Amino acid sequence: MIGTIAVIMIFSIPILGIITNHLKDNQKIKASMLKDELELEKLKHENFIVETEKMRLELETMKVDYTKTAVPVLWEVQGEKTNI
C-alpha cells in the first residue's frame, strides 16, 4: 500500500508540471490574442475616422458644387431643403 502511494506521488509531480506548463501556454496565447484584438479595434476605429472625414469632405465638395450651379430651379430646391 505504501509502495502504491509512493509511486503515485512520484508520477504526479511531472504530470502536475505538464498541466501547469500547458495552462501557462494557454494564458500566453490568450494574452496574445487579446493584444491582437485590441490592435484590430484600434485600426477599425482609425478607419472609421478616416472614412467619416472623407465623407464629410465629399459632402462639402458636393455642397460647393451645388451652390455654384446657375440653375434657378436648384436654388429654390436648396432653399426648401434648408427650411426643412
PDB file of N, CA and C in Angstrom:
ATOM      1  N   MET A   1       0.814  -1.183   0.000  1.00  0.00           N
ATOM      2  CA  MET A   1       0.000   0.000   0.000  1.00  0.00           C
ATOM      3  C   MET A   1       0.870   1.264   0.000  1.00  0.00           C
ATOM      4  N   ILE A   2       1.903   1.276   0.816  1.00  0.00           N
ATOM      5  CA  ILE A   2       2.801   2.422   0.890  1.00  0.00           C
ATOM      6  C   ILE A   2       3.559   2.566  -0.426  1.00  0.00           C
ATOM      7  N   GLY A   3       3.900   1.453  -1.042  1.00  0.00           N
ATOM      8  CA  GLY A   3       4.593   1.486  -2.332  1.00  0.00           C
ATOM      9  C   GLY A   3       3.721   2.107  -3.403  1.00  0.00           C
ATOM     10  N   THR A   4       2.422   1.787  -3.396  1.00  0.00           N
ATOM     11  CA  THR A   4       1.491   2.353  -4.374  1.00  0.00           C
ATOM     12  C   THR A   4       1.390   3.864  -4.192  1.00  0.00           C
ATOM     13  N   ILE A   5       1.276   4.314  -2.977  1.00  0.00           N
ATOM     14  CA  ILE A   5       1.184   5.747  -2.698  1.00  0.00           C
ATOM     15  C   ILE A   5       2.474   6.449  -3.127  1.00  0.00           C
ATOM     16  N   ALA A   6       3.616   5.814  -2.885  1.00  0.00           N
ATOM     17  CA  ALA A   6       4.897   6.401  -3.282  1.00  0.00           C
ATOM     18  C   ALA A   6       4.990   6.525  -4.796  1.00  0.00           C
ATOM     19  N   VAL A   7       4.539   5.506  -5.518  1.00  0.00           N
ATOM     20  CA  VAL A   7       4.561   5.546  -6.986  1.00  0.00           C
ATOM     21  C   VAL A   7       3.640   6.647  -7.497  1.00  0.00           C
ATOM     22  N   ILE A   8       2.456   6.754  -6.909  1.00  0.00           N
ATOM     23  CA  ILE A   8       1.513   7.800  -7.328  1.00  0.00           C
ATOM     24  C   ILE A   8       2.108   9.183  -7.066  1.00  0.00           C
ATOM     25  N   MET A   9       2.735   9.372  -5.933  1.00  0.00           N
ATOM     26  CA  MET A   9       3.340  10.664  -5.598  1.00  0.00           C
ATOM     27  C   MET A   9       4.485  11.000  -6.551  1.00  0.00           C
ATOM     28  N   ILE A  10       5.273  10.010  -6.906  1.00  0.00           N
ATOM     29  CA  ILE A  10       6.413  10.238  -7.800  1.00  0.00           C
ATOM     30  C   ILE A  10       5.942  10.632  -9.197  1.00  0.00           C
ATOM     31  N   PHE A  11       4.898   9.958  -9.701  1.00  0.00           N
ATOM     32  CA  PHE A  11       4.429  10.247 -11.051  1.00  0.00           C
ATOM     33  C   PHE A  11       3.510  11.465 -11.114  1.00  0.00           C
ATOM     34  N   SER A  12       2.943  11.868  -9.996  1.00  0.00           N
ATOM     35  CA  SER A  12       2.047  13.023 -10.021  1.00  0.00           C
ATOM     36  C   SER A  12       2.814  14.334 -10.176  1.00  0.00           C
ATOM     37  N   ILE A  13       4.054  14.387  -9.727  1.00  0.00           N
ATOM     38  CA  ILE A  13       4.837  15.624  -9.822  1.00  0.00           C
ATOM     39  C   ILE A  13       5.085  16.016 -11.282  1.00  0.00           C
ATOM     40  N   PRO A  14       5.557  15.126 -12.158  1.00  0.00           N
ATOM     41  CA  PRO A  14       5.737  15.526 -13.555  1.00  0.00           C
ATOM     42  C   PRO A  14       4.413  15.827 -14.251  1.00  0.00           C
ATOM     43  N   ILE A  15       3.366  15.093 -13.882  1.00  0.00           N
ATOM     44  CA  ILE A  15       2.061  15.338 -14.503  1.00  0.00           C
ATOM     45  C   ILE A  15       1.563  16.734 -14.128  1.00  0.00           C
ATOM     46  N   LEU A  16       1.716  17.112 -12.877  1.00  0.00           N
ATOM     47  CA  LEU A  16       1.322  18.458 -12.462  1.00  0.00           C
ATOM     48  C   LEU A  16       2.170  19.521 -13.164  1.00  0.00           C
ATOM     49  N   GLY A  17       3.437  19.235 -13.372  1.00  0.00           N
ATOM     50  CA  GLY A  17       4.300  20.162 -14.108  1.00  0.00           C
ATOM     51  C   GLY A  17       3.836  20.334 -15.546  1.00  0.00           C
ATOM     52  N   ILE A  18       3.461  19.231 -16.175  1.00  0.00           N
ATOM     53  CA  ILE A  18       2.972  19.286 -17.558  1.00  0.00           C
ATOM     54  C   ILE A  18       1.676  20.087 -17.623  1.00  0.00           C
ATOM     55  N   ILE A  19       0.772  19.828 -16.689  1.00  0.00           N
ATOM     56  CA  ILE A  19      -0.511  20.542 -16.674  1.00  0.00           C
ATOM     57  C   ILE A  19      -0.289  22.035 -16.432  1.00  0.00           C
ATOM     58  N   THR A  20       0.582  22.365 -15.493  1.00  0.00           N
ATOM     59  CA  THR A  20       0.872  23.772 -15.199  1.00  0.00           C
ATOM     60  C   THR A  20       1.490  24.467 -16.412  1.00  0.00           C
ATOM     61  N   ASN A  21       2.409  23.799 -17.071  1.00  0.00           N
ATOM     62  CA  ASN A  21       3.041  24.360 -18.269  1.00  0.00           C
ATOM     63  C   ASN A  21       1.997  24.584 -19.363  1.00  0.00           C
ATOM     64  N   HIS A  22       1.095  23.636 -19.510  1.00  0.00           N
ATOM     65  CA  HIS A  22       0.031  23.750 -20.512  1.00  0.00           C
ATOM     66  C   HIS A  22      -0.864  24.954 -20.202  1.00  0.00           C
ATOM     67  N   LEU A  23      -1.234  25.127 -18.947  1.00  0.00           N
ATOM     68  CA  LEU A  23      -2.082  26.260 -18.566  1.00  0.00           C
ATOM     69  C   LEU A  23      -1.369  27.595 -18.791  1.00  0.00           C
ATOM     70  N   LYS A  24      -0.071  27.644 -18.511  1.00  0.00           N
ATOM     71  CA  LYS A  24       0.704  28.869 -18.762  1.00  0.00           C
ATOM     72  C   LYS A  24       0.736  29.194 -20.256  1.00  0.00           C
ATOM     73  N   ASP A  25       0.946  28.157 -21.069  1.00  0.00           N
ATOM     74  CA  ASP A  25       0.967  28.366 -22.518  1.00  0.00           C
ATOM     75  C   ASP A  25      -0.386  28.879 -23.010  1.00  0.00           C
ATOM     76  N   ASN A  26      -1.465  28.312 -22.471  1.00  0.00           N
ATOM     77  CA  ASN A  26      -2.798  28.774 -22.858  1.00  0.00           C
ATOM     78  C   ASN A  26      -3.001  30.237 -22.482  1.00  0.00           C
ATOM     79  N   GLN A  27      -2.542  30.632 -21.317  1.00  0.00           N
ATOM     80  CA  GLN A  27      -2.675  32.018 -20.890  1.00  0.00           C
ATOM     81  C   GLN A  27      -1.862  32.957 -21.789  1.00  0.00           C
ATOM     82  N   LYS A  28      -0.678  32.521 -22.201  1.00  0.00           N
ATOM     83  CA  LYS A  28       0.140  33.336 -23.109  1.00  0.00           C
ATOM     84  C   LYS A  28      -0.560  33.509 -24.451  1.00  0.00           C
ATOM     85  N   ILE A  29      -1.163  32.438 -24.941  1.00  0.00           N
ATOM     86  CA  ILE A  29      -1.880  32.506 -26.216  1.00  0.00           C
ATOM     87  C   ILE A  29      -3.078  33.439 -26.098  1.00  0.00           C
ATOM     88  N   LYS A  30      -3.820  33.344 -25.002  1.00  0.00           N
ATOM     89  CA  LYS A  30      -4.975  34.221 -24.803  1.00  0.00           C
ATOM     90  C   LYS A  30      -4.544  35.679 -24.703  1.00  0.00           C
ATOM     91  N   ALA A  31      -3.435  35.939 -24.028  1.00  0.00           N
ATOM     92  CA  ALA A  31      -2.931  37.311 -23.915  1.00  0.00           C
ATOM     93  C   ALA A  31      -2.528  37.848 -25.289  1.00  0.00           C
ATOM     94  N   SER A  32      -1.907  37.004 -26.086  1.00  0.00           N
ATOM     95  CA  SER A  32      -1.518  37.407 -27.435  1.00  0.00           C
ATOM     96  C   SER A  32      -2.752  37.696 -28.291  1.00  0.00           C
ATOM     97  N   MET A  33      -3.761  36.851 -28.171  1.00  0.00           N
ATOM     98  CA  MET A  33      -4.999  37.066 -28.923  1.00  0.00           C
ATOM     99  C   MET A  33      -5.666  38.372 -28.501  1.00  0.00           C
ATOM    100  N   LEU A  34      -5.681  38.643 -27.217  1.00  0.00           N
ATOM    101  CA  LEU A  34      -6.291  39.869 -26.716  1.00  0.00           C
ATOM    102  C   LEU A  34      -5.539  41.095 -27.231  1.00  0.00           C
ATOM    103  N   LYS A  35      -4.230  41.006 -27.262  1.00  0.00           N
ATOM    104  CA  LYS A  35      -3.408  42.104 -27.785  1.00  0.00           C
ATOM    105  C   LYS A  35      -3.718  42.341 -29.264  1.00  0.00           C
ATOM    106  N   ASP A  36      -3.829  41.260 -30.034  1.00  0.00           N
ATOM    107  CA  ASP A  36      -4.149  41.380 -31.453  1.00  0.00           C
ATOM    108  C   ASP A  36      -5.546  41.959 -31.662  1.00  0.00           C
ATOM    109  N   GLU A  37      -6.509  41.537 -30.844  1.00  0.00           N
ATOM    110  CA  GLU A  37      -7.863  42.066 -30.960  1.00  0.00           C
ATOM    111  C   GLU A  37      -7.899  43.556 -30.635  1.00  0.00           C
ATOM    112  N   LEU A  38      -7.127  43.964 -29.652  1.00  0.00           N
ATOM    113  CA  LEU A  38      -7.057  45.377 -29.295  1.00  0.00           C
ATOM    114  C   LEU A  38      -6.470  46.194 -30.444  1.00  0.00           C
ATOM    115  N   GLU A  39      -5.434  45.685 -31.056  1.00  0.00           N
ATOM    116  CA  GLU A  39      -4.827  46.364 -32.208  1.00  0.00           C
ATOM    117  C   GLU A  39      -5.820  46.447 -33.365  1.00  0.00           C
ATOM    118  N   LEU A  40      -6.577  45.374 -33.581  1.00  0.00           N
ATOM    119  CA  LEU A  40      -7.585  45.362 -34.641  1.00  0.00           C
ATOM    120  C   LEU A  40      -8.660  46.411 -34.372  1.00  0.00           C
ATOM    121  N   GLU A  41      -9.114  46.525 -33.138  1.00  0.00           N
ATOM    122  CA  GLU A  41     -10.125  47.523 -32.796  1.00  0.00           C
ATOM    123  C   GLU A  41      -9.587  48.940 -32.991  1.00  0.00           C
ATOM    124  N   LYS A  42      -8.319  49.160 -32.675  1.00  0.00           N
ATOM    125  CA  LYS A  42      -7.714  50.474 -32.910  1.00  0.00           C
ATOM    126  C   LYS A  42      -7.709  50.795 -34.399  1.00  0.00           C
ATOM    127  N   LEU A  43      -7.342  49.805 -35.223  1.00  0.00           N
ATOM    128  CA  LEU A  43      -7.324  50.017 -36.669  1.00  0.00           C
ATOM    129  C   LEU A  43      -8.729  50.269 -37.208  1.00  0.00           C
ATOM    130  N   LYS A  44      -9.708  49.545 -36.690  1.00  0.00           N
ATOM    131  CA  LYS A  44     -11.096  49.764 -37.114  1.00  0.00           C
ATOM    132  C   LYS A  44     -11.537  51.183 -36.773  1.00  0.00           C
ATOM    133  N   HIS A  45     -11.176  51.637 -35.586  1.00  0.00           N
ATOM    134  CA  HIS A  45     -11.553  52.987 -35.170  1.00  0.00           C
ATOM    135  C   HIS A  45     -10.885  54.041 -36.050  1.00  0.00           C
ATOM    136  N   GLU A  46      -9.604  53.868 -36.333  1.00  0.00           N
ATOM    137  CA  GLU A  46      -8.898  54.802 -37.217  1.00  0.00           C
ATOM    138  C   GLU A  46      -9.525  54.804 -38.608  1.00  0.00           C
ATOM    139  N   ASN A  47      -9.880  53.627 -39.107  1.00  0.00           N
ATOM    140  CA  ASN A  47     -10.513  53.519 -40.412  1.00  0.00           C
ATOM    141  C   ASN A  47     -11.854  54.246 -40.412  1.00  0.00           C
ATOM    142  N   PHE A  48     -12.631  54.091 -39.344  1.00  0.00           N
ATOM    143  CA  PHE A  48     -13.916  54.772 -39.233  1.00  0.00           C
ATOM    144  C   PHE A  48     -13.730  56.282 -39.268  1.00  0.00           C
ATOM    145  N   ILE A  49     -12.741  56.773 -38.540  1.00  0.00           N
ATOM    146  CA  ILE A  49     -12.495  58.220 -38.506  1.00  0.00           C
ATOM    147  C   ILE A  49     -12.089  58.728 -39.889  1.00  0.00           C
ATOM    148  N   VAL A  50     -11.222  57.987 -40.570  1.00  0.00           N
ATOM    149  CA  VAL A  50     -10.780  58.399 -41.907  1.00  0.00           C
ATOM    150  C   VAL A  50     -11.951  58.392 -42.881  1.00  0.00           C
ATOM    151  N   GLU A  51     -12.782  57.351 -42.842  1.00  0.00           N
ATOM    152  CA  GLU A  51     -13.931  57.285 -43.745  1.00  0.00           C
ATOM    153  C   GLU A  51     -14.922  58.404 -43.452  1.00  0.00           C
ATOM    154  N   THR A  52     -15.136  58.708 -42.186  1.00  0.00           N
ATOM    155  CA  THR A  52     -16.054  59.782 -41.818  1.00  0.00           C
ATOM    156  C   THR A  52     -15.534  61.121 -42.322  1.00  0.00           C
ATOM    157  N   GLU A  53     -14.256  61.358 -42.160  1.00  0.00           N
ATOM    158  CA  GLU A  53     -13.659  62.607 -42.646  1.00  0.00           C
ATOM    159  C   GLU A  53     -13.748  62.683 -44.170  1.00  0.00           C
ATOM    160  N   LYS A  54     -13.517  61.560 -44.837  1.00  0.00           N
ATOM    161  CA  LYS A  54     -13.607  61.523 -46.298  1.00  0.00           C
ATOM    162  C   LYS A  54     -15.028  61.847 -46.747  1.00  0.00           C
ATOM    163  N   MET A  55     -16.012  61.258 -46.081  1.00  0.00           N
ATOM    164  CA  MET A  55     -17.404  61.529 -46.439  1.00  0.00           C
ATOM    165  C   MET A  55     -17.762  62.987 -46.176  1.00  0.00           C
ATOM    166  N   ARG A  56     -17.245  63.558 -45.080  1.00  0.00           N
ATOM    167  CA  ARG A  56     -17.517  64.960 -44.778  1.00  0.00           C
ATOM    168  C   ARG A  56     -16.943  65.860 -45.869  1.00  0.00           C
ATOM    169  N   LEU A  57     -15.729  65.552 -46.303  1.00  0.00           N
ATOM    170  CA  LEU A  57     -15.112  66.347 -47.371  1.00  0.00           C
ATOM    171  C   LEU A  57     -15.872  66.201 -48.683  1.00  0.00           C
ATOM    172  N   GLU A  58     -16.341  64.991 -48.976  1.00  0.00           N
ATOM    173  CA  GLU A  58     -17.131  64.791 -50.191  1.00  0.00           C
ATOM    174  C   GLU A  58     -18.431  65.579 -50.127  1.00  0.00           C
ATOM    175  N   LEU A  59     -19.071  65.592 -48.966  1.00  0.00           N
ATOM    176  CA  LEU A  59     -20.299  66.372 -48.813  1.00  0.00           C
ATOM    177  C   LEU A  59     -20.027  67.863 -48.959  1.00  0.00           C
ATOM    178  N   GLU A  60     -18.930  68.334 -48.407  1.00  0.00           N
ATOM    179  CA  GLU A  60     -18.565  69.744 -48.561  1.00  0.00           C
ATOM    180  C   GLU A  60     -18.335  70.074 -50.035  1.00  0.00           C
ATOM    181  N   THR A  61     -17.653  69.180 -50.742  1.00  0.00           N
ATOM    182  CA  THR A  61     -17.403  69.389 -52.173  1.00  0.00           C
ATOM    183  C   THR A  61     -18.715  69.423 -52.940  1.00  0.00           C
ATOM    184  N   MET A  62     -19.600  68.495 -52.615  1.00  0.00           N
ATOM    185  CA  MET A  62     -20.902  68.473 -53.285  1.00  0.00           C
ATOM    186  C   MET A  62     -21.690  69.739 -52.969  1.00  0.00           C
ATOM    187  N   LYS A  63     -21.596  70.204 -51.734  1.00  0.00           N
ATOM    188  CA  LYS A  63     -22.319  71.414 -51.350  1.00  0.00           C
ATOM    189  C   LYS A  63     -21.783  72.616 -52.117  1.00  0.00           C
ATOM    190  N   VAL A  64     -20.465  72.709 -52.263  1.00  0.00           N
ATOM    191  CA  VAL A  64     -19.855  73.815 -53.011  1.00  0.00           C
ATOM    192  C   VAL A  64     -20.264  73.736 -54.476  1.00  0.00           C
ATOM    193  N   ASP A  65     -20.223  72.535 -55.052  1.00  0.00           N
ATOM    194  CA  ASP A  65     -20.639  72.370 -56.443  1.00  0.00           C
ATOM    195  C   ASP A  65     -22.113  72.703 -56.614  1.00  0.00           C
ATOM    196  N   TYR A  66     -22.897  72.347 -55.626  1.00  0.00           N
ATOM    197  CA  TYR A  66     -24.340  72.566 -55.681  1.00  0.00           C
ATOM    198  C   TYR A  66     -24.660  74.055 -55.618  1.00  0.00           C
ATOM    199  N   THR A  67     -23.935  74.803 -54.812  1.00  0.00           N
ATOM    200  CA  THR A  67     -24.189  76.242 -54.693  1.00  0.00           C
ATOM    201  C   THR A  67     -23.663  77.016 -55.895  1.00  0.00           C
ATOM    202  N   LYS A  68     -22.746  76.433 -56.654  1.00  0.00           N
ATOM    203  CA  LYS A  68     -22.193  77.116 -57.822  1.00  0.00           C
ATOM    204  C   LYS A  68     -23.073  76.961 -59.058  1.00  0.00           C
ATOM    205  N   THR A  69     -24.094  76.147 -58.988  1.00  0.00           N
ATOM    206  CA  THR A  69     -24.925  75.935 -60.171  1.00  0.00           C
ATOM    207  C   THR A  69     -25.672  77.216 -60.511  1.00  0.00           C
ATOM    208  N   ALA A  70     -25.864  77.413 -61.795  1.00  0.00           N
ATOM    209  CA  ALA A  70     -26.521  78.629 -62.264  1.00  0.00           C
ATOM    210  C   ALA A  70     -27.989  78.385 -62.585  1.00  0.00           C
ATOM    211  N   VAL A  71     -28.529  77.259 -62.192  1.00  0.00           N
ATOM    212  CA  VAL A  71     -29.921  76.941 -62.486  1.00  0.00           C
ATOM    213  C   VAL A  71     -30.783  77.450 -61.328  1.00  0.00           C
ATOM    214  N   PRO A  72     -31.690  78.387 -61.593  1.00  0.00           N
ATOM    215  CA  PRO A  72     -32.519  78.952 -60.517  1.00  0.00           C
ATOM    216  C   PRO A  72     -33.431  77.918 -59.849  1.00  0.00           C
ATOM    217  N   VAL A  73     -33.827  76.895 -60.585  1.00  0.00           N
ATOM    218  CA  VAL A  73     -34.691  75.861 -60.008  1.00  0.00           C
ATOM    219  C   VAL A  73     -33.967  75.169 -58.860  1.00  0.00           C
ATOM    220  N   LEU A  74     -32.694  74.910 -59.027  1.00  0.00           N
ATOM    221  CA  LEU A  74     -31.924  74.269 -57.969  1.00  0.00           C
ATOM    222  C   LEU A  74     -31.771  75.192 -56.765  1.00  0.00           C
ATOM    223  N   TRP A  75     -31.748  76.504 -56.994  1.00  0.00           N
ATOM    224  CA  TRP A  75     -31.672  77.427 -55.869  1.00  0.00           C
ATOM    225  C   TRP A  75     -32.935  77.327 -55.015  1.00  0.00           C
ATOM    226  N   GLU A  76     -34.092  77.166 -55.711  1.00  0.00           N
ATOM    227  CA  GLU A  76     -35.351  77.036 -54.981  1.00  0.00           C
ATOM    228  C   GLU A  76     -35.375  75.738 -54.179  1.00  0.00           C
ATOM    229  N   VAL A  77     -34.886  74.655 -54.785  1.00  0.00           N
ATOM    230  CA  VAL A  77     -34.841  73.370 -54.084  1.00  0.00           C
ATOM    231  C   VAL A  77     -33.915  73.472 -52.880  1.00  0.00           C
ATOM    232  N   GLN A  78     -32.808  74.152 -53.068  1.00  0.00           N
ATOM    233  CA  GLN A  78     -31.864  74.311 -51.965  1.00  0.00           C
ATOM    234  C   GLN A  78     -32.506  75.124 -50.838  1.00  0.00           C
ATOM    235  N   GLY A  79     -33.244  76.151 -51.178  1.00  0.00           N
ATOM    236  CA  GLY A  79     -33.926  76.952 -50.167  1.00  0.00           C
ATOM    237  C   GLY A  79     -34.978  76.146 -49.427  1.00  0.00           C
ATOM    238  N   GLU A  80     -35.697  75.268 -50.132  1.00  0.00           N
ATOM    239  CA  GLU A  80     -36.704  74.422 -49.491  1.00  0.00           C
ATOM    240  C   GLU A  80     -36.046  73.438 -48.527  1.00  0.00           C
ATOM    241  N   LYS A  81     -34.915  72.897 -48.896  1.00  0.00           N
ATOM    242  CA  LYS A  81     -34.242  71.917 -48.041  1.00  0.00           C
ATOM    243  C   LYS A  81     -33.692  72.564 -46.774  1.00  0.00           C
ATOM    244  N   THR A  82     -33.295  73.813 -46.869  1.00  0.00           N
ATOM    245  CA  THR A  82     -32.788  74.470 -45.667  1.00  0.00           C
ATOM    246  C   THR A  82     -33.925  74.819 -44.718  1.00  0.00           C
ATOM    247  N   ASN A  83     -35.141  74.972 -45.240  1.00  0.00           N
ATOM    248  CA  ASN A  83     -36.293  75.270 -44.390  1.00  0.00           C
ATOM    249  C   ASN A  83     -36.815  74.032 -43.678  1.00  0.00           C
ATOM    250  N   ILE A  84     -36.452  72.872 -44.168  1.00  0.00           N
ATOM    251  CA  ILE A  84     -36.959  71.618 -43.581  1.00  0.00           C
ATOM    252  C   ILE A  84     -36.319  71.347 -42.267  1.00  0.00           C
TER     253      ILE A  84
END
